Amino acid sequence: MNPEEPIEQEIQAKGLTAPRITPADIEANIASERYFTAEQVTFSTQEGIPDSLRTLTFCVLVLQNGFTVTGESNCASPESFDAEIGRKIARQNAINKVWPLMGYALKEKLASQ
């Protein structure tokens, strides 16, 4: 379940219909997404890569207008690292950065009307 779903359901149940950004708007604004770990970045040397680079996951969201937003995740214990969970957390952290950007754009649009 999307973390925003319970709030979105409450907003709809209360009939709050003024212009706003929805989770669907956020998803529709994502043109593409990329994931990688710090371990996958090219370094001058590959010797002695610390475990912390193997578990540091990045998500890059490319928005419809070409702007990029990043999110990251890391786990304290390499034994607990799960790539899929790391990508999910990194993506959610990136999406959390999209909300204020789209909110600002909507407010600008409403102010100019």
C-alpha atoms as a PDB file:
ATOM      1  CA  MET A   1       0.000   0.000   0.000  1.00  0.00           C
ATOM      2  CA  ASN A   2       1.191   3.505  -0.860  1.00  0.00           C
ATOM      3  CA  PRO A   3       2.007   5.398   2.376  1.00  0.00           C
ATOM      4  CA  GLU A   4      -0.178   8.308   1.216  1.00  0.00           C
ATOM      5  CA  GLU A   5      -3.270   6.138   0.622  1.00  0.00           C
ATOM      6  CA  PRO A   6      -4.862   6.455   4.088  1.00  0.00           C
ATOM      7  CA  ILE A   7      -4.554  10.242   3.983  1.00  0.00           C
ATOM      8  CA  GLU A   8      -5.856  10.378   0.408  1.00  0.00           C
ATOM      9  CA  GLN A   9      -8.868   8.254   1.416  1.00  0.00           C
ATOM     10  CA  GLU A  10      -9.584  10.563   4.357  1.00  0.00           C
ATOM     11  CA  ILE A  11      -9.376  13.663   2.130  1.00  0.00           C
ATOM     12  CA  GLN A  12     -11.814  12.120  -0.333  1.00  0.00           C
ATOM     13  CA  ALA A  13     -14.172  10.933   2.422  1.00  0.00           C
ATOM     14  CA  LYS A  14     -14.337  14.486   3.785  1.00  0.00           C
ATOM     15  CA  GLY A  15     -15.135  15.856   0.324  1.00  0.00           C
ATOM     16  CA  LEU A  16     -12.156  18.211   0.243  1.00  0.00           C
ATOM     17  CA  THR A  17     -12.234  19.112  -3.438  1.00  0.00           C
ATOM     18  CA  ALA A  18     -10.131  22.278  -3.727  1.00  0.00           C
ATOM     19  CA  PRO A  19      -7.185  22.101  -6.128  1.00  0.00           C
ATOM     20  CA  ARG A  20      -4.413  20.002  -4.634  1.00  0.00           C
ATOM     21  CA  ILE A  21      -1.694  17.545  -5.484  1.00  0.00           C
ATOM     22  CA  THR A  22      -2.649  13.876  -5.212  1.00  0.00           C
ATOM     23  CA  PRO A  23      -0.516  10.727  -5.092  1.00  0.00           C
ATOM     24  CA  ALA A  24      -1.736  10.033  -8.638  1.00  0.00           C
ATOM     25  CA  ASP A  25      -0.434  13.462  -9.717  1.00  0.00           C
ATOM     26  CA  ILE A  26       2.960  12.631  -8.243  1.00  0.00           C
ATOM     27  CA  GLU A  27       3.101   9.280 -10.050  1.00  0.00           C
ATOM     28  CA  ALA A  28       1.969  10.856 -13.339  1.00  0.00           C
ATOM     29  CA  ASN A  29       4.776  13.424 -13.051  1.00  0.00           C
ATOM     30  CA  ILE A  30       7.491  10.736 -12.944  1.00  0.00           C
ATOM     31  CA  ALA A  31       8.881  10.190 -16.436  1.00  0.00           C
ATOM     32  CA  SER A  32      11.465   7.592 -15.406  1.00  0.00           C
ATOM     33  CA  GLU A  33      13.362   6.237 -12.439  1.00  0.00           C
ATOM     34  CA  ARG A  34      16.796   4.744 -11.945  1.00  0.00           C
ATOM     35  CA  TYR A  35      18.320   2.838  -9.035  1.00  0.00           C
ATOM     36  CA  PHE A  36      21.899   2.078  -8.123  1.00  0.00           C
ATOM     37  CA  THR A  37      24.067   1.441  -5.102  1.00  0.00           C
ATOM     38  CA  ALA A  38      27.163   3.440  -4.257  1.00  0.00           C
ATOM     39  CA  GLU A  39      29.153   0.271  -4.924  1.00  0.00           C
ATOM     40  CA  GLN A  40      28.087   0.444  -8.586  1.00  0.00           C
ATOM     41  CA  VAL A  41      29.561   3.920  -9.089  1.00  0.00           C
ATOM     42  CA  THR A  42      32.901   3.942 -10.894  1.00  0.00           C
ATOM     43  CA  PHE A  43      35.780   4.664  -8.559  1.00  0.00           C
ATOM     44  CA  SER A  44      39.428   5.095  -9.410  1.00  0.00           C
ATOM     45  CA  THR A  45      40.023   1.832  -7.580  1.00  0.00           C
ATOM     46  CA  GLN A  46      37.720  -1.053  -6.727  1.00  0.00           C
ATOM     47  CA  GLU A  47      39.964  -2.332  -3.955  1.00  0.00           C
ATOM     48  CA  GLY A  48      38.572  -2.440  -0.457  1.00  0.00           C
ATOM     49  CA  ILE A  49      35.016  -1.290  -1.137  1.00  0.00           C
ATOM     50  CA  PRO A  50      33.452  -0.784   2.294  1.00  0.00           C
ATOM     51  CA  ASP A  51      30.212  -2.615   3.069  1.00  0.00           C
ATOM     52  CA  SER A  52      28.523   0.755   3.607  1.00  0.00           C
ATOM     53  CA  LEU A  53      28.792   1.444  -0.146  1.00  0.00           C
ATOM     54  CA  ARG A  54      27.176  -1.889  -0.964  1.00  0.00           C
ATOM     55  CA  THR A  55      24.098  -1.021   1.098  1.00  0.00           C
ATOM     56  CA  LEU A  56      23.693   2.675   0.160  1.00  0.00           C
ATOM     57  CA  THR A  57      20.906   2.753  -2.437  1.00  0.00           C
ATOM     58  CA  PHE A  58      19.985   5.736  -4.593  1.00  0.00           C
ATOM     59  CA  CYS A  59      16.813   6.443  -6.536  1.00  0.00           C
ATOM     60  CA  VAL A  60      16.810   9.110  -9.235  1.00  0.00           C
ATOM     61  CA  LEU A  61      13.376  10.229 -10.408  1.00  0.00           C
ATOM     62  CA  VAL A  62      13.236  12.143 -13.680  1.00  0.00           C
ATOM     63  CA  LEU A  63      10.135  14.308 -13.720  1.00  0.00           C
ATOM     64  CA  GLN A  64       8.109  15.149 -16.831  1.00  0.00           C
ATOM     65  CA  ASN A  65       9.860  18.517 -17.227  1.00  0.00           C
ATOM     66  CA  GLY A  66      13.311  16.899 -16.976  1.00  0.00           C
ATOM     67  CA  PHE A  67      14.023  17.975 -13.386  1.00  0.00           C
ATOM     68  CA  THR A  68      15.612  15.248 -11.278  1.00  0.00           C
ATOM     69  CA  VAL A  69      14.998  14.360  -7.657  1.00  0.00           C
ATOM     70  CA  THR A  70      17.008  11.876  -5.620  1.00  0.00           C
ATOM     71  CA  GLY A  71      16.277   9.707  -2.637  1.00  0.00           C
ATOM     72  CA  GLU A  72      18.544   7.384  -0.748  1.00  0.00           C
ATOM     73  CA  SER A  73      18.449   4.601   1.782  1.00  0.00           C
ATOM     74  CA  ASN A  74      21.002   2.699   3.780  1.00  0.00           C
ATOM     75  CA  CYS A  75      20.939   0.003   6.402  1.00  0.00           C
ATOM     76  CA  ALA A  76      23.107  -0.099   9.483  1.00  0.00           C
ATOM     77  CA  SER A  77      23.870  -3.796   9.201  1.00  0.00           C
ATOM     78  CA  PRO A  78      25.032  -5.254   5.856  1.00  0.00           C
ATOM     79  CA  GLU A  79      23.519  -8.599   6.885  1.00  0.00           C
ATOM     80  CA  SER A  80      20.082  -6.955   6.838  1.00  0.00           C
ATOM     81  CA  PHE A  81      20.487  -5.412   3.372  1.00  0.00           C
ATOM     82  CA  ASP A  82      17.745  -6.259   0.906  1.00  0.00           C
ATOM     83  CA  ALA A  83      18.045  -4.550  -2.501  1.00  0.00           C
ATOM     84  CA  GLU A  84      14.290  -4.444  -3.137  1.00  0.00           C
ATOM     85  CA  ILE A  85      13.536  -2.862   0.233  1.00  0.00           C
ATOM     86  CA  GLY A  86      16.402  -0.415  -0.274  1.00  0.00           C
ATOM     87  CA  ARG A  87      14.932   0.674  -3.623  1.00  0.00           C
ATOM     88  CA  LYS A  88      11.448   1.095  -2.102  1.00  0.00           C
ATOM     89  CA  ILE A  89      12.748   3.276   0.722  1.00  0.00           C
ATOM     90  CA  ALA A  90      14.969   5.319  -1.614  1.00  0.00           C
ATOM     91  CA  ARG A  91      12.010   5.865  -3.975  1.00  0.00           C
ATOM     92  CA  GLN A  92       9.733   7.001  -1.158  1.00  0.00           C
ATOM     93  CA  ASN A  93      12.423   9.409   0.056  1.00  0.00           C
ATOM     94  CA  ALA A  94      12.665  10.830  -3.483  1.00  0.00           C
ATOM     95  CA  ILE A  95       8.877  11.135  -3.760  1.00  0.00           C
ATOM     96  CA  ASN A  96       8.849  13.029  -0.455  1.00  0.00           C
ATOM     97  CA  LYS A  97      10.937  15.687  -2.230  1.00  0.00           C
ATOM     98  CA  VAL A  98       8.504  15.914  -5.160  1.00  0.00           C
ATOM     99  CA  TRP A  99       5.501  16.912  -3.020  1.00  0.00           C
ATOM    100  CA  PRO A 100       6.758  20.417  -2.103  1.00  0.00           C
ATOM    101  CA  LEU A 101       7.925  21.054  -5.681  1.00  0.00           C
ATOM    102  CA  MET A 102       4.542  20.227  -7.140  1.00  0.00           C
ATOM    103  CA  GLY A 103       2.767  22.054  -4.322  1.00  0.00           C
ATOM    104  CA  TYR A 104       4.774  25.186  -5.109  1.00  0.00           C
ATOM    105  CA  ALA A 105       3.957  24.889  -8.830  1.00  0.00           C
ATOM    106  CA  LEU A 106       0.231  24.524  -8.057  1.00  0.00           C
ATOM    107  CA  LYS A 107       0.308  27.512  -5.697  1.00  0.00           C
ATOM    108  CA  GLU A 108       1.995  29.618  -8.408  1.00  0.00           C
ATOM    109  CA  LYS A 109      -0.678  28.564 -10.891  1.00  0.00           C
ATOM    110  CA  LEU A 110      -3.498  29.397  -8.458  1.00  0.00           C
ATOM    111  CA  ALA A 111      -1.933  32.751  -7.572  1.00  0.00           C
ATOM    112  CA  SER A 112      -1.777  33.792 -11.222  1.00  0.00           C
ATOM    113  CA  GLN A 113      -5.452  33.046 -11.881  1.00  0.00           C
END
